[in-house]
Amino acid sequence: MFARSPTIVNMKYCLLLCGMLISFMGFSQDISDGTTSESAPETTARSSSNLSSKLISKTVYATYYAKKFEGRRTTSGVRYRGKKMTAAHMSLPFGTIVTVTNPINGRSVDVEINDRGPHSRKFKIDLSEGAAKELGFYGKGVAKLEISYLPDTE
């Protein structure tokens, strides 16, 4: 009886449009400020010669892989090797080279993103065992590090 009623049809379209509007607002909020729960400061430096190459730097909490993951396949399909300089990040594209710096001792290392993780709100990057040793926080488990990378141009 009410299936073809103009008010019901208009109500359905109104609800559909409101739902789309709310979801688009949520997506634009996530893109504009990273993640809403992230409390780490983010700075963006622009190159004066080339505006398309923006270096993004963030101070984040990091962990490293446990030894039990040695030899297992990562999300990208390659096997995890603790001695290689690799890392896991939830949103950076595979193959992105990230410079990770320990501000306490000044050491830095370049790692390649080849996995997804850590699956936590507090930690933003998981480093390989070799990278954690190079940065000097291997025995501690957690460190506050600075990561910098060039965003994907696509």
N, C-alpha and C. Protein backbone atom coordinates (compact mmCIF):
# COMPACT_ATOMS: atom_id res chain seq x y z
N MET A 1 0.82 -1.18 0.00
CA MET A 1 0.00 0.00 0.00
C MET A 1 0.87 1.26 0.00
N PHE A 2 1.92 1.30 0.85
CA PHE A 2 2.76 2.49 0.94
C PHE A 2 4.05 2.36 0.13
N ALA A 3 4.21 1.28 -0.60
CA ALA A 3 5.47 1.03 -1.31
C ALA A 3 5.77 2.12 -2.34
N ARG A 4 4.78 2.61 -3.04
CA ARG A 4 4.98 3.60 -4.08
C ARG A 4 4.54 5.01 -3.66
N SER A 5 4.31 5.20 -2.41
CA SER A 5 3.87 6.50 -1.92
C SER A 5 4.98 7.52 -2.10
N PRO A 6 4.67 8.73 -2.59
CA PRO A 6 5.72 9.73 -2.83
C PRO A 6 6.49 10.11 -1.56
N THR A 7 5.81 10.11 -0.42
CA THR A 7 6.53 10.48 0.81
C THR A 7 7.51 9.40 1.22
N ILE A 8 7.17 8.14 1.04
CA ILE A 8 8.07 7.04 1.39
C ILE A 8 9.29 7.05 0.46
N VAL A 9 9.05 7.25 -0.84
CA VAL A 9 10.15 7.29 -1.81
C VAL A 9 11.08 8.47 -1.49
N ASN A 10 10.49 9.63 -1.23
CA ASN A 10 11.31 10.79 -0.89
C ASN A 10 12.09 10.56 0.41
N MET A 11 11.48 9.88 1.36
CA MET A 11 12.14 9.59 2.63
C MET A 11 13.34 8.67 2.40
N LYS A 12 13.16 7.66 1.53
CA LYS A 12 14.27 6.74 1.24
C LYS A 12 15.43 7.49 0.60
N TYR A 13 15.16 8.37 -0.36
CA TYR A 13 16.22 9.14 -0.99
C TYR A 13 16.88 10.08 0.00
N CYS A 14 16.10 10.68 0.85
CA CYS A 14 16.64 11.59 1.86
C CYS A 14 17.58 10.83 2.80
N LEU A 15 17.17 9.65 3.27
CA LEU A 15 18.02 8.85 4.14
C LEU A 15 19.29 8.41 3.42
N LEU A 16 19.16 8.04 2.16
CA LEU A 16 20.33 7.63 1.38
C LEU A 16 21.31 8.79 1.23
N LEU A 17 20.83 9.96 0.90
CA LEU A 17 21.69 11.13 0.73
C LEU A 17 22.33 11.55 2.05
N CYS A 18 21.57 11.48 3.15
CA CYS A 18 22.14 11.83 4.46
C CYS A 18 23.24 10.85 4.85
N GLY A 19 23.01 9.57 4.60
CA GLY A 19 24.03 8.56 4.90
C GLY A 19 25.29 8.78 4.10
N MET A 20 25.15 9.10 2.81
CA MET A 20 26.31 9.36 1.96
C MET A 20 27.05 10.60 2.43
N LEU A 21 26.33 11.64 2.79
CA LEU A 21 26.94 12.88 3.26
C LEU A 21 27.73 12.64 4.54
N ILE A 22 27.17 11.90 5.47
CA ILE A 22 27.87 11.62 6.73
C ILE A 22 29.11 10.78 6.48
N SER A 23 29.03 9.79 5.60
CA SER A 23 30.21 8.96 5.34
C SER A 23 31.30 9.76 4.62
N PHE A 24 30.93 10.64 3.70
CA PHE A 24 31.93 11.46 3.03
C PHE A 24 32.60 12.43 4.00
N MET A 25 31.82 12.96 4.93
CA MET A 25 32.40 13.85 5.94
C MET A 25 33.39 13.10 6.81
N GLY A 26 33.08 11.85 7.14
CA GLY A 26 33.99 11.03 7.94
C GLY A 26 35.27 10.74 7.20
N PHE A 27 35.18 10.42 5.88
CA PHE A 27 36.37 10.15 5.09
C PHE A 27 37.23 11.39 4.95
N SER A 28 36.62 12.53 4.72
CA SER A 28 37.40 13.75 4.56
C SER A 28 38.09 14.13 5.85
N GLN A 29 37.48 13.84 6.98
CA GLN A 29 38.11 14.13 8.27
C GLN A 29 39.31 13.22 8.47
N ASP A 30 39.23 11.93 8.10
CA ASP A 30 40.35 11.01 8.24
C ASP A 30 41.51 11.42 7.33
N ILE A 31 41.23 11.91 6.13
CA ILE A 31 42.29 12.29 5.20
C ILE A 31 42.96 13.58 5.65
N SER A 32 42.20 14.52 6.16
CA SER A 32 42.76 15.83 6.45
C SER A 32 43.71 15.81 7.63
N ASP A 33 43.45 15.00 8.66
CA ASP A 33 44.33 15.03 9.82
C ASP A 33 44.87 13.66 10.20
N GLY A 34 45.09 12.80 9.22
CA GLY A 34 45.64 11.49 9.50
C GLY A 34 44.58 10.63 10.16
N THR A 35 44.81 10.22 11.40
CA THR A 35 43.79 9.52 12.15
C THR A 35 43.38 10.41 13.30
N THR A 36 42.10 10.37 13.63
CA THR A 36 41.58 11.29 14.63
C THR A 36 42.10 10.99 16.02
N SER A 37 42.50 9.74 16.30
CA SER A 37 42.97 9.41 17.64
C SER A 37 44.47 9.57 17.79
N GLU A 38 45.15 9.94 16.75
CA GLU A 38 46.60 10.05 16.81
C GLU A 38 47.00 11.31 17.55
N SER A 39 47.86 11.14 18.55
CA SER A 39 48.28 12.30 19.34
C SER A 39 49.69 12.74 18.99
N ALA A 40 50.34 12.06 18.05
CA ALA A 40 51.71 12.42 17.68
C ALA A 40 51.69 13.65 16.79
N PRO A 41 52.63 14.56 16.98
CA PRO A 41 52.67 15.75 16.14
C PRO A 41 53.10 15.40 14.72
N GLU A 42 52.55 16.11 13.77
CA GLU A 42 52.86 15.87 12.37
C GLU A 42 53.30 17.19 11.74
N THR A 43 54.42 17.16 11.06
CA THR A 43 54.88 18.35 10.37
C THR A 43 55.13 18.00 8.92
N THR A 44 54.81 18.93 8.04
CA THR A 44 55.05 18.74 6.62
C THR A 44 55.94 19.86 6.12
N ALA A 45 57.05 19.49 5.51
CA ALA A 45 57.97 20.48 4.96
C ALA A 45 57.85 20.47 3.45
N ARG A 46 57.71 21.63 2.84
CA ARG A 46 57.57 21.71 1.39
C ARG A 46 58.88 22.14 0.76
N SER A 47 59.23 21.47 -0.31
CA SER A 47 60.42 21.83 -1.05
C SER A 47 60.10 23.03 -1.93
N SER A 48 60.95 24.03 -1.90
CA SER A 48 60.67 25.23 -2.68
C SER A 48 60.86 25.01 -4.17
N SER A 49 61.71 24.05 -4.55
CA SER A 49 61.95 23.82 -5.96
C SER A 49 60.90 22.93 -6.60
N ASN A 50 60.34 21.99 -5.85
CA ASN A 50 59.39 21.06 -6.42
C ASN A 50 58.26 20.83 -5.42
N LEU A 51 57.09 21.35 -5.68
CA LEU A 51 55.97 21.25 -4.76
C LEU A 51 55.42 19.84 -4.68
N SER A 52 55.69 18.98 -5.68
CA SER A 52 55.15 17.63 -5.65
C SER A 52 55.94 16.74 -4.72
N SER A 53 57.14 17.14 -4.30
CA SER A 53 57.92 16.31 -3.38
C SER A 53 57.85 16.90 -1.98
N LYS A 54 56.90 16.43 -1.19
CA LYS A 54 56.70 16.88 0.19
C LYS A 54 57.21 15.80 1.12
N LEU A 55 58.11 16.15 1.99
CA LEU A 55 58.62 15.22 2.97
C LEU A 55 57.73 15.28 4.20
N ILE A 56 57.17 14.15 4.58
CA ILE A 56 56.29 14.09 5.73
C ILE A 56 57.07 13.49 6.89
N SER A 57 57.03 14.16 8.03
CA SER A 57 57.71 13.68 9.24
C SER A 57 56.70 13.57 10.37
N LYS A 58 56.78 12.46 11.11
CA LYS A 58 55.90 12.24 12.25
C LYS A 58 56.71 11.64 13.39
N THR A 59 56.36 11.98 14.60
CA THR A 59 56.93 11.34 15.77
C THR A 59 55.92 10.34 16.28
N VAL A 60 56.32 9.06 16.31
CA VAL A 60 55.39 7.97 16.62
C VAL A 60 56.04 6.99 17.59
N TYR A 61 55.21 6.15 18.17
CA TYR A 61 55.70 5.04 18.98
C TYR A 61 55.87 3.84 18.06
N ALA A 62 56.98 3.11 18.26
CA ALA A 62 57.30 1.98 17.40
C ALA A 62 57.65 0.75 18.24
N THR A 63 57.43 -0.42 17.65
CA THR A 63 57.83 -1.69 18.23
C THR A 63 58.62 -2.44 17.18
N TYR A 64 59.03 -3.66 17.50
CA TYR A 64 59.70 -4.48 16.51
C TYR A 64 59.10 -5.88 16.54
N TYR A 65 59.34 -6.61 15.43
CA TYR A 65 58.81 -7.96 15.28
C TYR A 65 59.40 -8.91 16.32
N ALA A 66 58.60 -9.85 16.77
CA ALA A 66 59.08 -10.92 17.63
C ALA A 66 59.82 -11.95 16.77
N LYS A 67 60.68 -12.73 17.40
CA LYS A 67 61.48 -13.73 16.67
C LYS A 67 60.61 -14.81 16.03
N LYS A 68 59.41 -15.03 16.57
CA LYS A 68 58.56 -16.10 16.03
C LYS A 68 58.10 -15.83 14.60
N PHE A 69 58.20 -14.59 14.13
CA PHE A 69 57.76 -14.25 12.78
C PHE A 69 58.83 -14.51 11.72
N GLU A 70 60.02 -14.89 12.13
CA GLU A 70 61.12 -15.16 11.19
C GLU A 70 60.69 -16.24 10.19
N GLY A 71 60.79 -15.91 8.89
CA GLY A 71 60.45 -16.86 7.83
C GLY A 71 58.99 -16.87 7.41
N ARG A 72 58.13 -16.23 8.16
CA ARG A 72 56.72 -16.20 7.77
C ARG A 72 56.50 -15.19 6.66
N ARG A 73 55.46 -15.40 5.90
CA ARG A 73 55.14 -14.48 4.80
C ARG A 73 54.49 -13.22 5.35
N THR A 74 54.90 -12.08 4.78
CA THR A 74 54.28 -10.81 5.14
C THR A 74 53.06 -10.59 4.24
N THR A 75 52.36 -9.51 4.46
CA THR A 75 51.17 -9.21 3.66
C THR A 75 51.52 -8.99 2.20
N SER A 76 52.71 -8.46 1.93
CA SER A 76 53.10 -8.22 0.54
C SER A 76 53.53 -9.50 -0.17
N GLY A 77 53.71 -10.58 0.58
CA GLY A 77 54.06 -11.86 -0.04
C GLY A 77 55.50 -12.29 0.17
N VAL A 78 56.39 -11.40 0.55
CA VAL A 78 57.78 -11.77 0.79
C VAL A 78 57.93 -12.32 2.20
N ARG A 79 58.96 -13.12 2.41
CA ARG A 79 59.20 -13.69 3.73
C ARG A 79 59.88 -12.67 4.63
N TYR A 80 59.47 -12.66 5.90
CA TYR A 80 60.10 -11.76 6.86
C TYR A 80 61.48 -12.32 7.24
N ARG A 81 62.45 -11.45 7.16
CA ARG A 81 63.81 -11.77 7.61
C ARG A 81 64.23 -10.68 8.58
N GLY A 82 64.61 -11.08 9.77
CA GLY A 82 64.93 -10.14 10.84
C GLY A 82 66.14 -9.26 10.55
N LYS A 83 67.06 -9.75 9.76
CA LYS A 83 68.28 -8.97 9.49
C LYS A 83 68.09 -7.91 8.42
N LYS A 84 67.03 -8.03 7.63
CA LYS A 84 66.77 -7.03 6.59
C LYS A 84 66.12 -5.80 7.21
N MET A 85 66.30 -4.68 6.55
CA MET A 85 65.73 -3.41 7.04
C MET A 85 64.34 -3.22 6.45
N THR A 86 63.35 -3.83 7.11
CA THR A 86 61.97 -3.75 6.65
C THR A 86 61.09 -3.30 7.81
N ALA A 87 59.84 -2.96 7.48
CA ALA A 87 58.91 -2.48 8.50
C ALA A 87 57.47 -2.76 8.06
N ALA A 88 56.57 -2.64 9.03
CA ALA A 88 55.14 -2.77 8.78
C ALA A 88 54.47 -1.46 9.16
N HIS A 89 53.55 -1.02 8.31
CA HIS A 89 52.78 0.19 8.57
C HIS A 89 51.37 -0.06 8.06
N MET A 90 50.38 0.51 8.73
CA MET A 90 49.00 0.22 8.36
C MET A 90 48.54 0.88 7.06
N SER A 91 49.07 2.04 6.71
CA SER A 91 48.50 2.75 5.57
C SER A 91 49.49 3.09 4.46
N LEU A 92 50.78 3.07 4.71
CA LEU A 92 51.74 3.41 3.66
C LEU A 92 51.79 2.31 2.61
N PRO A 93 51.95 2.67 1.33
CA PRO A 93 52.01 1.65 0.28
C PRO A 93 53.24 0.77 0.42
N PHE A 94 53.11 -0.49 -0.01
CA PHE A 94 54.25 -1.39 -0.02
C PHE A 94 55.36 -0.81 -0.90
N GLY A 95 56.59 -0.96 -0.46
CA GLY A 95 57.72 -0.45 -1.22
C GLY A 95 58.14 0.96 -0.84
N THR A 96 57.37 1.63 0.00
CA THR A 96 57.73 2.98 0.44
C THR A 96 58.97 2.90 1.33
N ILE A 97 59.94 3.75 1.05
CA ILE A 97 61.15 3.83 1.85
C ILE A 97 60.93 4.88 2.93
N VAL A 98 61.07 4.47 4.18
CA VAL A 98 60.84 5.35 5.32
C VAL A 98 62.15 5.50 6.07
N THR A 99 62.52 6.73 6.37
CA THR A 99 63.69 6.99 7.20
C THR A 99 63.22 7.09 8.64
N VAL A 100 63.76 6.20 9.49
CA VAL A 100 63.37 6.15 10.89
C VAL A 100 64.56 6.63 11.72
N THR A 101 64.32 7.61 12.60
CA THR A 101 65.38 8.20 13.41
C THR A 101 65.02 8.09 14.89
N ASN A 102 66.00 7.68 15.68
CA ASN A 102 65.84 7.64 17.13
C ASN A 102 66.36 8.97 17.67
N PRO A 103 65.49 9.85 18.17
CA PRO A 103 65.94 11.17 18.62
C PRO A 103 66.81 11.13 19.88
N ILE A 104 66.78 10.03 20.61
CA ILE A 104 67.57 9.93 21.83
C ILE A 104 69.06 9.80 21.52
N ASN A 105 69.39 8.92 20.54
CA ASN A 105 70.81 8.72 20.21
C ASN A 105 71.19 9.25 18.83
N GLY A 106 70.24 9.73 18.05
CA GLY A 106 70.53 10.31 16.75
C GLY A 106 70.73 9.31 15.63
N ARG A 107 70.61 8.03 15.90
CA ARG A 107 70.79 7.02 14.84
C ARG A 107 69.57 6.99 13.92
N SER A 108 69.83 6.72 12.64
CA SER A 108 68.72 6.60 11.70
C SER A 108 68.98 5.46 10.74
N VAL A 109 67.91 4.93 10.18
CA VAL A 109 67.98 3.81 9.26
C VAL A 109 66.84 3.96 8.24
N ASP A 110 67.08 3.50 7.01
CA ASP A 110 66.05 3.49 5.97
C ASP A 110 65.45 2.08 5.91
N VAL A 111 64.13 2.00 6.01
CA VAL A 111 63.44 0.72 5.95
C VAL A 111 62.42 0.74 4.82
N GLU A 112 62.09 -0.45 4.32
CA GLU A 112 61.09 -0.58 3.27
C GLU A 112 59.82 -1.18 3.87
N ILE A 113 58.68 -0.59 3.55
CA ILE A 113 57.40 -1.10 4.05
C ILE A 113 57.02 -2.32 3.22
N ASN A 114 56.84 -3.48 3.89
CA ASN A 114 56.45 -4.69 3.17
C ASN A 114 55.39 -5.49 3.92
N ASP A 115 54.78 -4.89 4.95
CA ASP A 115 53.78 -5.62 5.73
C ASP A 115 52.78 -4.62 6.31
N ARG A 116 51.66 -5.14 6.81
CA ARG A 116 50.65 -4.32 7.47
C ARG A 116 50.72 -4.56 8.97
N GLY A 117 50.60 -3.50 9.72
CA GLY A 117 50.65 -3.60 11.17
C GLY A 117 51.31 -2.34 11.68
N PRO A 118 51.49 -2.16 12.91
CA PRO A 118 50.92 -2.94 14.01
C PRO A 118 49.43 -2.66 14.14
N HIS A 119 48.72 -3.63 14.63
CA HIS A 119 47.27 -3.49 14.75
C HIS A 119 46.93 -2.92 16.13
N SER A 120 47.36 -1.69 16.34
CA SER A 120 47.19 -1.00 17.60
C SER A 120 47.05 0.48 17.32
N ARG A 121 46.35 1.19 18.19
CA ARG A 121 46.22 2.64 18.00
C ARG A 121 47.45 3.38 18.49
N LYS A 122 48.12 2.82 19.48
CA LYS A 122 49.28 3.50 20.06
C LYS A 122 50.50 3.42 19.17
N PHE A 123 50.77 2.25 18.61
CA PHE A 123 51.97 2.03 17.81
C PHE A 123 51.66 2.20 16.33
N LYS A 124 52.54 2.91 15.62
CA LYS A 124 52.28 3.22 14.21
C LYS A 124 53.17 2.44 13.25
N ILE A 125 54.29 1.87 13.73
CA ILE A 125 55.20 1.16 12.84
C ILE A 125 55.84 0.01 13.60
N ASP A 126 55.98 -1.13 12.92
CA ASP A 126 56.71 -2.29 13.43
C ASP A 126 57.99 -2.41 12.62
N LEU A 127 59.12 -2.45 13.29
CA LEU A 127 60.41 -2.55 12.60
C LEU A 127 60.94 -3.97 12.67
N SER A 128 61.80 -4.32 11.73
CA SER A 128 62.47 -5.61 11.80
C SER A 128 63.48 -5.60 12.94
N GLU A 129 63.92 -6.78 13.32
CA GLU A 129 64.88 -6.91 14.41
C GLU A 129 66.17 -6.17 14.10
N GLY A 130 66.65 -6.27 12.87
CA GLY A 130 67.88 -5.58 12.48
C GLY A 130 67.76 -4.07 12.57
N ALA A 131 66.61 -3.54 12.16
CA ALA A 131 66.40 -2.09 12.23
C ALA A 131 66.32 -1.63 13.68
N ALA A 132 65.67 -2.43 14.54
CA ALA A 132 65.57 -2.07 15.96
C ALA A 132 66.95 -2.08 16.62
N LYS A 133 67.78 -3.04 16.26
CA LYS A 133 69.15 -3.09 16.81
C LYS A 133 69.96 -1.89 16.33
N GLU A 134 69.81 -1.55 15.05
CA GLU A 134 70.54 -0.41 14.49
C GLU A 134 70.14 0.90 15.16
N LEU A 135 68.86 1.02 15.52
CA LEU A 135 68.37 2.24 16.16
C LEU A 135 68.64 2.25 17.67
N GLY A 136 69.00 1.10 18.23
CA GLY A 136 69.39 1.05 19.62
C GLY A 136 68.26 0.87 20.62
N PHE A 137 67.12 0.30 20.22
CA PHE A 137 66.05 0.06 21.18
C PHE A 137 65.62 -1.40 21.19
N TYR A 138 66.47 -2.30 20.73
CA TYR A 138 66.08 -3.71 20.59
C TYR A 138 65.67 -4.35 21.92
N GLY A 139 66.39 -4.15 22.98
CA GLY A 139 66.05 -4.78 24.24
C GLY A 139 64.89 -4.12 24.97
N LYS A 140 64.56 -2.92 24.61
CA LYS A 140 63.52 -2.16 25.31
C LYS A 140 62.11 -2.51 24.85
N GLY A 141 61.95 -2.86 23.58
CA GLY A 141 60.65 -3.26 23.06
C GLY A 141 59.86 -2.13 22.42
N VAL A 142 59.92 -0.93 22.99
CA VAL A 142 59.15 0.20 22.49
C VAL A 142 60.04 1.42 22.48
N ALA A 143 59.85 2.28 21.47
CA ALA A 143 60.60 3.53 21.43
C ALA A 143 59.77 4.60 20.73
N LYS A 144 60.03 5.84 21.09
CA LYS A 144 59.42 6.98 20.41
C LYS A 144 60.40 7.42 19.34
N LEU A 145 60.00 7.26 18.08
CA LEU A 145 60.88 7.50 16.94
C LEU A 145 60.27 8.53 16.01
N GLU A 146 61.11 9.08 15.16
CA GLU A 146 60.64 10.00 14.13
C GLU A 146 60.73 9.28 12.79
N ILE A 147 59.61 9.25 12.06
CA ILE A 147 59.61 8.66 10.73
C ILE A 147 59.40 9.76 9.71
N SER A 148 60.06 9.64 8.58
CA SER A 148 59.89 10.62 7.49
C SER A 148 59.88 9.87 6.17
N TYR A 149 59.03 10.31 5.27
CA TYR A 149 58.86 9.65 3.98
C TYR A 149 58.26 10.61 2.98
N LEU A 150 58.39 10.26 1.72
CA LEU A 150 57.74 11.03 0.65
C LEU A 150 56.41 10.37 0.36
N PRO A 151 55.33 11.13 0.30
CA PRO A 151 54.02 10.53 0.03
C PRO A 151 53.94 9.97 -1.38
N ASP A 152 53.02 9.04 -1.55
CA ASP A 152 52.79 8.44 -2.87
C ASP A 152 52.28 9.51 -3.82
N THR A 153 52.82 9.60 -5.04
CA THR A 153 52.46 10.64 -5.99
C THR A 153 51.20 10.31 -6.79
N GLU A 154 50.67 9.11 -6.64
CA GLU A 154 49.50 8.72 -7.44
C GLU A 154 48.23 9.23 -6.87
